[in-house]
Amino acid sequence: MSPVFSRLDTPELRASIYQFMVYVPGGVSSVFLGIWLSEHGLPADQIGIINALPTLCLLLLNIIVGRIADKADDWRTALIVISWLSALAPLPLFFVSEFWGILAVWALTATSNGLVAPIIDAASVRMTRRNGTDFGVVRAWATVGYIFAAAGLGLLLNVLGSGVFVGLYVATVVLRAAIAFILPRFRAPAPQATLANIPAGQAAAPSRLRDSLQLWFVLPLVAFALVNSSNALIGGFAALLWHENGIPSYFLGPLLGIAATGEAILMFAWRRFGGRVTARNMIMVCALAGLVRFTIMAFNPPVEVLFFTQVLHAFSFGMGYFGVVHFIANWTNEANAAEAQGFANMLNMGASMLALIFFGVLVEHFGTHAFFYSTVTALAAIVCVVVSLRIRPPKEAH
């Protein structure tokens, strides 16, 4: 048995139980939200705005909330507070049915929900580094939770219809808030190990973020943000587009679930092979996978092909996510690594917000051909990584 789960009561196990619930509400909304909004008479461009506004709010709040969480006695306290705020936020959804009301309530709902993941990930990374355990295994349970929500709970769409969305979403965020009380303390009084492993004789990484923000460092982060913005489109529009193009509703949950399954397998197995690939090459693989995945989707393929493109999510997101985490760890130190991760998150949110807004307009005019937008962003991501590698080759060891 893995040492992470060798005892029933370990910090890693309690963090994993909470991680399982982190993306369950997001999995529910990925399957139900677009169809629920469409059945309320909202066109695709308005659906794009409803999906994009929370991203703008997170873009503005992410670093501020992160700093407040860092100042708390432990990240556990911040997670309990935010979990309960995210449980209360969607309650007005029971009483709204027109664009402006839904926009306001969903902005608060999705923003409060989106604040959870960065804090639990940051806390889990530091805890597992201190304890010598595997962050990949802990983080993978968040993806397993998404699979359960999208592929499992998503089957309720075929049975009960989209009208069950609000009640189901509220139930999942309330359950997550209750589970937050079992979270362990993440901080320890002893100093934590630095994130950057600097070999003897090598100059230390810059201690200020602005010193790190050189073109070669920023371009890979931009590359992942461009590809990941297309991953955000899947959550906002894929179920709706597939539904409108005749894909039976009982396939929608499994299509979203198989993407997360591939991602989870990658994360569980990461320690076995991840060290063999340099960080920017991970991001390059991510961009290439995104290019293939979204270009095929633009041609509205049959459901069998869609299952293949969804499996590529393991690389167009999972590989890129680990690439960014390792890239930042390799080229920063403890003094600015967290701030650098916040900067990367800001790039992700900004790119996703723009993609959601533009994609909604493109869908109105071009349908599934709107995914050619993602073809362009994936090509731009490949160029970003190539230029970065030309300016600054990778370290000999990662």
Protein backbone atom coordinates (compact mmCIF):
# COMPACT_ATOMS: atom_id res chain seq x y z
CA MET A 1 0.00 0.00 0.00
CA SER A 2 1.22 3.51 -0.72
CA PRO A 3 2.74 5.19 2.36
CA VAL A 4 0.27 8.03 1.84
CA PHE A 5 -2.57 5.69 2.82
CA SER A 6 -0.72 3.31 5.16
CA ARG A 7 -2.70 4.76 8.08
CA LEU A 8 -6.35 5.67 8.23
CA ASP A 9 -5.68 9.07 9.80
CA THR A 10 -2.91 10.90 8.01
CA PRO A 11 -2.78 14.55 6.87
CA GLU A 12 -2.45 13.33 3.29
CA LEU A 13 -5.57 11.18 3.52
CA ARG A 14 -7.67 13.98 5.00
CA ALA A 15 -6.39 16.40 2.38
CA SER A 16 -7.19 13.81 -0.33
CA ILE A 17 -10.77 13.42 0.92
CA TYR A 18 -11.25 17.18 0.62
CA GLN A 19 -9.47 17.22 -2.75
CA PHE A 20 -12.02 14.67 -3.99
CA MET A 21 -14.74 17.30 -3.46
CA VAL A 22 -12.83 20.30 -4.85
CA TYR A 23 -13.93 19.85 -8.47
CA VAL A 24 -17.23 18.01 -7.91
CA PRO A 25 -19.25 21.26 -8.18
CA GLY A 26 -17.31 22.17 -11.32
CA GLY A 27 -18.03 18.75 -12.80
CA VAL A 28 -21.74 19.22 -12.15
CA SER A 29 -21.74 22.65 -13.81
CA SER A 30 -19.72 21.37 -16.80
CA VAL A 31 -22.50 18.92 -17.65
CA PHE A 32 -25.59 20.89 -16.61
CA LEU A 33 -24.93 24.65 -16.71
CA GLY A 34 -24.82 25.29 -20.46
CA ILE A 35 -27.99 23.29 -21.11
CA TRP A 36 -29.73 24.82 -18.05
CA LEU A 37 -28.93 28.32 -19.34
CA SER A 38 -30.05 27.45 -22.86
CA GLU A 39 -33.37 26.13 -21.55
CA HIS A 40 -33.83 29.50 -19.81
CA GLY A 41 -33.69 31.10 -23.26
CA LEU A 42 -30.14 32.48 -23.15
CA PRO A 43 -28.18 32.55 -26.46
CA ALA A 44 -24.56 31.36 -26.75
CA ASP A 45 -23.03 34.83 -26.53
CA GLN A 46 -24.78 35.49 -23.19
CA ILE A 47 -23.73 32.04 -21.96
CA GLY A 48 -20.15 33.02 -22.82
CA ILE A 49 -20.44 36.18 -20.73
CA ILE A 50 -21.91 34.25 -17.78
CA ASN A 51 -18.96 31.84 -17.93
CA ALA A 52 -16.40 34.62 -18.42
CA LEU A 53 -17.38 37.06 -15.65
CA PRO A 54 -16.29 34.77 -12.78
CA THR A 55 -12.93 34.41 -14.51
CA LEU A 56 -12.55 38.20 -14.50
CA CYS A 57 -13.44 38.28 -10.80
CA LEU A 58 -10.90 35.55 -10.05
CA LEU A 59 -8.31 37.42 -12.09
CA LEU A 60 -8.77 40.42 -9.79
CA LEU A 61 -9.08 38.48 -6.52
CA ASN A 62 -6.71 35.54 -6.85
CA ILE A 63 -3.50 37.11 -5.55
CA ILE A 64 -5.31 39.20 -2.91
CA VAL A 65 -7.12 36.20 -1.45
CA GLY A 66 -3.93 34.15 -1.64
CA ARG A 67 -2.06 36.73 0.41
CA ILE A 68 -4.86 36.83 3.00
CA ALA A 69 -4.81 33.03 3.19
CA ASP A 70 -1.03 33.08 3.67
CA LYS A 71 -1.47 35.42 6.65
CA ALA A 72 -4.00 33.15 8.39
CA ASP A 73 -2.74 30.91 11.20
CA ASP A 74 -3.09 28.01 8.75
CA TRP A 75 -4.49 27.48 5.27
CA ARG A 76 -7.08 25.18 6.88
CA THR A 77 -8.82 28.24 8.38
CA ALA A 78 -8.99 29.99 5.03
CA LEU A 79 -10.31 26.86 3.31
CA ILE A 80 -13.12 26.41 5.85
CA VAL A 81 -14.22 30.04 5.44
CA ILE A 82 -14.08 30.00 1.64
CA SER A 83 -15.80 26.61 1.47
CA TRP A 84 -18.77 27.92 3.44
CA LEU A 85 -18.94 31.13 1.41
CA SER A 86 -19.07 29.01 -1.75
CA ALA A 87 -21.85 26.92 -0.18
CA LEU A 88 -24.03 29.96 0.53
CA ALA A 89 -23.39 31.82 -2.75
CA PRO A 90 -25.52 29.64 -5.10
CA LEU A 91 -28.69 29.67 -2.98
CA PRO A 92 -30.23 32.61 -4.94
CA LEU A 93 -30.05 30.49 -8.11
CA PHE A 94 -33.34 28.94 -6.99
CA PHE A 95 -35.02 32.34 -7.51
CA VAL A 96 -33.48 33.78 -10.73
CA SER A 97 -34.41 32.97 -14.31
CA GLU A 98 -33.31 35.92 -16.51
CA PHE A 99 -29.90 36.98 -17.81
CA TRP A 100 -28.92 39.75 -15.37
CA GLY A 101 -30.03 37.87 -12.28
CA ILE A 102 -28.27 34.68 -13.36
CA LEU A 103 -25.15 36.65 -14.33
CA ALA A 104 -24.88 38.29 -10.90
CA VAL A 105 -25.55 35.14 -8.88
CA TRP A 106 -23.37 32.86 -10.99
CA ALA A 107 -20.50 35.37 -10.88
CA LEU A 108 -20.53 35.17 -7.08
CA THR A 109 -21.07 31.40 -7.14
CA ALA A 110 -18.31 30.49 -9.56
CA THR A 111 -15.87 33.05 -8.15
CA SER A 112 -16.16 31.73 -4.60
CA ASN A 113 -15.88 28.18 -5.93
CA GLY A 114 -12.79 29.07 -7.95
CA LEU A 115 -10.93 30.39 -4.91
CA VAL A 116 -10.81 26.93 -3.33
CA ALA A 117 -8.48 25.04 -5.68
CA PRO A 118 -5.39 27.32 -5.65
CA ILE A 119 -5.32 27.41 -1.84
CA ILE A 120 -5.73 23.66 -1.28
CA ASP A 121 -3.13 22.95 -3.98
CA ALA A 122 -0.61 25.37 -2.48
CA ALA A 123 -1.21 23.98 1.01
CA SER A 124 -0.98 20.36 -0.18
CA VAL A 125 2.26 20.99 -2.07
CA ARG A 126 3.97 22.42 1.00
CA MET A 127 2.63 19.70 3.30
CA THR A 128 3.73 16.83 1.04
CA ARG A 129 7.16 18.37 0.45
CA ARG A 130 7.63 18.66 4.22
CA ASN A 131 6.43 15.09 4.86
CA GLY A 132 8.23 13.54 1.89
CA THR A 133 4.98 12.23 0.37
CA ASP A 134 3.60 12.42 -3.17
CA PHE A 135 1.67 15.56 -4.09
CA GLY A 136 0.62 13.95 -7.37
CA VAL A 137 -1.37 11.27 -5.55
CA VAL A 138 -3.10 13.81 -3.28
CA ARG A 139 -3.90 16.13 -6.21
CA ALA A 140 -5.11 13.25 -8.39
CA TRP A 141 -8.09 12.69 -6.07
CA ALA A 142 -9.43 16.09 -7.14
CA THR A 143 -9.56 14.77 -10.69
CA VAL A 144 -11.20 11.55 -9.51
CA GLY A 145 -13.88 13.70 -7.88
CA TYR A 146 -14.45 15.53 -11.16
CA ILE A 147 -14.82 12.17 -12.92
CA PHE A 148 -17.42 11.12 -10.36
CA ALA A 149 -19.35 14.36 -10.90
CA ALA A 150 -19.14 14.55 -14.69
CA ALA A 151 -19.49 10.87 -15.57
CA GLY A 152 -21.50 9.70 -12.56
CA LEU A 153 -23.73 12.56 -11.46
CA GLY A 154 -23.84 13.68 -15.10
CA LEU A 155 -26.00 10.65 -15.89
CA LEU A 156 -28.78 12.37 -13.94
CA LEU A 157 -29.10 14.77 -16.90
CA ASN A 158 -30.50 11.93 -18.98
CA VAL A 159 -32.81 10.78 -16.18
CA LEU A 160 -34.01 14.01 -14.53
CA GLY A 161 -33.10 16.74 -17.03
CA SER A 162 -31.25 20.01 -16.42
CA GLY A 163 -33.86 21.16 -13.90
CA VAL A 164 -31.98 19.23 -11.21
CA PHE A 165 -28.86 21.36 -11.74
CA VAL A 166 -29.29 23.99 -9.00
CA GLY A 167 -30.26 21.54 -6.26
CA LEU A 168 -27.44 19.16 -7.20
CA TYR A 169 -24.86 21.95 -7.31
CA VAL A 170 -25.93 23.29 -3.91
CA ALA A 171 -25.77 19.82 -2.39
CA THR A 172 -22.17 19.31 -3.57
CA VAL A 173 -20.85 22.65 -2.27
CA VAL A 174 -22.56 22.16 1.11
CA LEU A 175 -21.03 18.70 1.41
CA ARG A 176 -17.59 20.10 0.56
CA ALA A 177 -17.97 22.80 3.21
CA ALA A 178 -18.82 20.16 5.82
CA ILE A 179 -15.79 18.05 4.83
CA ALA A 180 -13.52 21.10 5.21
CA PHE A 181 -13.64 20.61 8.98
CA ILE A 182 -11.62 17.38 8.71
CA LEU A 183 -8.72 19.12 6.93
CA PRO A 184 -5.37 18.84 8.73
CA ARG A 185 -3.15 21.70 9.71
CA PHE A 186 -0.85 22.32 6.77
CA ARG A 187 1.80 24.54 8.30
CA ALA A 188 4.60 23.41 10.59
CA PRO A 189 6.80 25.58 12.82
CA ALA A 190 9.96 24.19 11.23
CA PRO A 191 11.30 25.99 8.13
CA GLN A 192 10.14 24.44 4.88
CA ALA A 193 12.49 23.27 2.17
CA THR A 194 13.00 25.64 -0.75
CA LEU A 195 11.19 24.85 -3.96
CA ALA A 196 14.26 25.35 -6.17
CA ASN A 197 16.99 22.74 -5.95
CA ILE A 198 20.08 24.78 -6.78
CA PRO A 199 23.23 22.77 -7.48
CA ALA A 200 26.51 23.84 -5.89
CA GLY A 201 28.21 26.61 -7.77
CA GLN A 202 25.03 27.69 -9.57
CA ALA A 203 23.66 31.17 -9.03
CA ALA A 204 20.50 31.38 -6.97
CA ALA A 205 17.21 32.21 -8.62
CA PRO A 206 16.02 35.83 -8.34
CA SER A 207 14.35 36.61 -5.03
CA ARG A 208 11.91 39.11 -6.54
CA LEU A 209 9.27 38.19 -9.07
CA ARG A 210 9.96 41.20 -11.27
CA ASP A 211 13.55 39.99 -11.66
CA SER A 212 12.24 36.66 -13.00
CA LEU A 213 9.84 38.21 -15.51
CA GLN A 214 12.13 37.97 -18.48
CA LEU A 215 10.83 36.98 -21.91
CA TRP A 216 12.18 33.41 -21.79
CA PHE A 217 10.47 32.86 -18.40
CA VAL A 218 7.11 34.44 -19.27
CA LEU A 219 6.63 32.79 -22.69
CA PRO A 220 6.11 29.19 -21.41
CA LEU A 221 3.57 30.48 -18.88
CA VAL A 222 1.77 32.30 -21.71
CA ALA A 223 1.90 29.10 -23.78
CA PHE A 224 0.12 27.05 -21.13
CA ALA A 225 -2.40 29.85 -20.54
CA LEU A 226 -3.29 29.83 -24.26
CA VAL A 227 -3.85 26.06 -24.36
CA ASN A 228 -5.62 26.00 -21.01
CA SER A 229 -8.03 28.68 -22.20
CA SER A 230 -9.35 26.08 -24.65
CA ASN A 231 -9.75 23.60 -21.80
CA ALA A 232 -11.99 26.22 -20.18
CA LEU A 233 -14.14 26.25 -23.32
CA ILE A 234 -14.88 22.55 -22.82
CA GLY A 235 -16.39 23.28 -19.42
CA GLY A 236 -18.41 26.22 -20.73
CA PHE A 237 -19.63 25.01 -24.13
CA ALA A 238 -18.78 21.40 -24.99
CA ALA A 239 -21.83 19.74 -23.42
CA LEU A 240 -24.16 22.31 -25.02
CA LEU A 241 -22.57 21.98 -28.49
CA TRP A 242 -22.55 18.19 -28.36
CA HIS A 243 -26.18 18.18 -27.19
CA GLU A 244 -27.23 20.53 -30.00
CA ASN A 245 -25.34 18.43 -32.57
CA GLY A 246 -27.26 15.29 -31.70
CA ILE A 247 -24.92 13.55 -29.25
CA PRO A 248 -27.23 11.60 -26.90
CA SER A 249 -27.35 13.10 -23.43
CA TYR A 250 -26.19 9.86 -21.81
CA PHE A 251 -22.81 10.35 -23.54
CA LEU A 252 -22.21 13.88 -22.17
CA GLY A 253 -21.12 12.88 -18.69
CA PRO A 254 -18.84 10.04 -19.87
CA LEU A 255 -17.24 12.32 -22.48
CA LEU A 256 -16.31 14.81 -19.77
CA GLY A 257 -15.43 12.03 -17.35
CA ILE A 258 -13.01 10.21 -19.64
CA ALA A 259 -10.97 13.39 -20.05
CA ALA A 260 -10.55 13.62 -16.31
CA THR A 261 -9.81 9.87 -16.11
CA GLY A 262 -6.82 10.30 -18.40
CA GLU A 263 -5.67 13.25 -16.33
CA ALA A 264 -5.97 11.24 -13.10
CA ILE A 265 -3.98 8.31 -14.52
CA LEU A 266 -1.23 10.73 -15.55
CA MET A 267 -1.10 12.26 -12.08
CA PHE A 268 -1.09 8.93 -10.22
CA ALA A 269 1.75 7.68 -12.44
CA TRP A 270 3.68 10.93 -12.56
CA ARG A 271 6.44 10.02 -10.13
CA ARG A 272 7.42 7.03 -12.32
CA PHE A 273 8.30 9.04 -15.44
CA GLY A 274 7.85 12.76 -14.85
CA GLY A 275 11.49 13.44 -14.04
CA ARG A 276 12.57 12.26 -17.50
CA VAL A 277 10.91 15.19 -19.32
CA THR A 278 12.05 18.79 -18.99
CA ALA A 279 9.47 21.32 -17.86
CA ARG A 280 9.21 23.26 -21.11
CA ASN A 281 9.03 20.05 -23.12
CA MET A 282 6.02 19.13 -20.98
CA ILE A 283 4.41 22.41 -22.00
CA MET A 284 5.33 21.72 -25.65
CA VAL A 285 3.61 18.31 -25.48
CA CYS A 286 0.60 20.08 -23.95
CA ALA A 287 0.45 22.52 -26.88
CA LEU A 288 0.82 19.78 -29.50
CA ALA A 289 -1.92 17.71 -27.86
CA GLY A 290 -4.16 20.78 -27.76
CA LEU A 291 -3.53 21.43 -31.45
CA VAL A 292 -4.62 17.91 -32.40
CA ARG A 293 -7.51 17.75 -29.94
CA PHE A 294 -9.28 21.00 -30.73
CA THR A 295 -8.65 20.93 -34.48
CA ILE A 296 -10.42 17.56 -34.68
CA MET A 297 -13.26 18.90 -32.52
CA ALA A 298 -13.77 21.78 -34.95
CA PHE A 299 -14.98 19.28 -37.58
CA ASN A 300 -17.83 18.02 -35.34
CA PRO A 301 -16.64 14.39 -35.34
CA PRO A 302 -18.78 11.41 -34.27
CA VAL A 303 -18.93 10.42 -30.63
CA GLU A 304 -16.31 7.67 -31.02
CA VAL A 305 -13.75 10.24 -32.16
CA LEU A 306 -14.80 12.65 -29.42
CA PHE A 307 -13.83 10.04 -26.83
CA PHE A 308 -10.33 9.99 -28.38
CA THR A 309 -10.03 13.77 -28.34
CA GLN A 310 -11.18 13.86 -24.72
CA VAL A 311 -8.46 11.39 -23.69
CA LEU A 312 -5.94 13.92 -25.05
CA HIS A 313 -6.96 16.15 -22.11
CA ALA A 314 -4.40 14.22 -20.04
CA PHE A 315 -1.73 15.95 -22.12
CA SER A 316 -3.41 19.22 -23.15
CA PHE A 317 -4.01 19.96 -19.45
CA GLY A 318 -2.36 17.43 -17.11
CA MET A 319 1.06 17.43 -18.75
CA GLY A 320 1.01 21.22 -19.10
CA TYR A 321 -0.07 21.73 -15.49
CA PHE A 322 2.88 19.73 -14.16
CA GLY A 323 5.16 21.45 -16.67
CA VAL A 324 4.25 24.88 -15.30
CA VAL A 325 4.58 23.76 -11.67
CA HIS A 326 8.04 22.30 -12.31
CA PHE A 327 9.14 25.20 -14.51
CA ILE A 328 8.35 27.70 -11.76
CA ALA A 329 9.99 25.50 -9.13
CA ASN A 330 13.13 25.13 -11.25
CA TRP A 331 13.63 28.82 -11.93
CA THR A 332 12.43 30.52 -8.74
CA ASN A 333 13.15 30.17 -5.04
CA GLU A 334 11.06 30.19 -1.86
CA ALA A 335 10.97 33.99 -1.77
CA ASN A 336 8.93 34.38 -4.96
CA ALA A 337 7.75 30.94 -6.10
CA ALA A 338 4.23 31.40 -4.73
CA GLU A 339 3.97 34.84 -6.26
CA ALA A 340 5.19 33.43 -9.58
CA GLN A 341 2.47 30.76 -9.40
CA GLY A 342 -0.05 33.53 -8.76
CA PHE A 343 1.25 35.35 -11.84
CA ALA A 344 0.80 32.16 -13.90
CA ASN A 345 -2.75 31.80 -12.56
CA MET A 346 -3.49 35.37 -13.60
CA LEU A 347 -2.33 34.60 -17.14
CA ASN A 348 -4.55 31.48 -17.18
CA MET A 349 -7.59 33.40 -16.01
CA GLY A 350 -7.04 36.30 -18.40
CA ALA A 351 -6.67 33.97 -21.40
CA SER A 352 -9.70 31.93 -20.32
CA MET A 353 -11.86 35.02 -19.86
CA LEU A 354 -11.04 36.30 -23.36
CA ALA A 355 -11.56 32.84 -24.86
CA LEU A 356 -14.98 32.41 -23.24
CA ILE A 357 -16.18 35.82 -24.46
CA PHE A 358 -14.90 35.43 -28.04
CA PHE A 359 -15.91 31.79 -28.30
CA GLY A 360 -19.49 32.56 -27.37
CA VAL A 361 -19.70 35.00 -30.28
CA LEU A 362 -17.97 32.55 -32.64
CA VAL A 363 -20.37 29.75 -31.69
CA GLU A 364 -23.32 31.96 -32.61
CA HIS A 365 -21.94 32.30 -36.16
CA PHE A 366 -19.90 29.14 -36.80
CA GLY A 367 -21.07 26.42 -34.39
CA THR A 368 -18.42 23.78 -33.70
CA HIS A 369 -16.10 25.39 -36.26
CA ALA A 370 -15.46 27.94 -33.52
CA PHE A 371 -12.91 25.45 -32.16
CA PHE A 372 -10.53 26.64 -34.88
CA TYR A 373 -9.96 29.49 -32.41
CA SER A 374 -8.22 26.88 -30.25
CA THR A 375 -6.15 25.71 -33.22
CA VAL A 376 -4.74 29.22 -33.52
CA THR A 377 -3.99 29.55 -29.80
CA ALA A 378 -2.27 26.14 -29.74
CA LEU A 379 -0.03 27.16 -32.65
CA ALA A 380 0.81 30.38 -30.81
CA ALA A 381 1.67 28.34 -27.70
CA ILE A 382 4.10 26.17 -29.68
CA VAL A 383 5.86 29.30 -30.96
CA CYS A 384 6.12 30.67 -27.39
CA VAL A 385 7.87 27.52 -26.12
CA VAL A 386 10.25 27.34 -29.09
CA VAL A 387 11.29 30.99 -28.65
CA SER A 388 11.82 30.48 -24.90
CA LEU A 389 14.05 27.45 -25.50
CA ARG A 390 16.06 29.38 -28.08
CA ILE A 391 16.63 32.27 -25.66
CA ARG A 392 17.38 30.12 -22.58
CA PRO A 393 18.08 26.37 -22.94
CA PRO A 394 16.83 24.10 -20.14
CA LYS A 395 18.93 23.23 -17.11
CA GLU A 396 20.84 19.98 -17.33
CA ALA A 397 18.82 18.49 -14.45
CA HIS A 398 15.25 19.13 -13.30
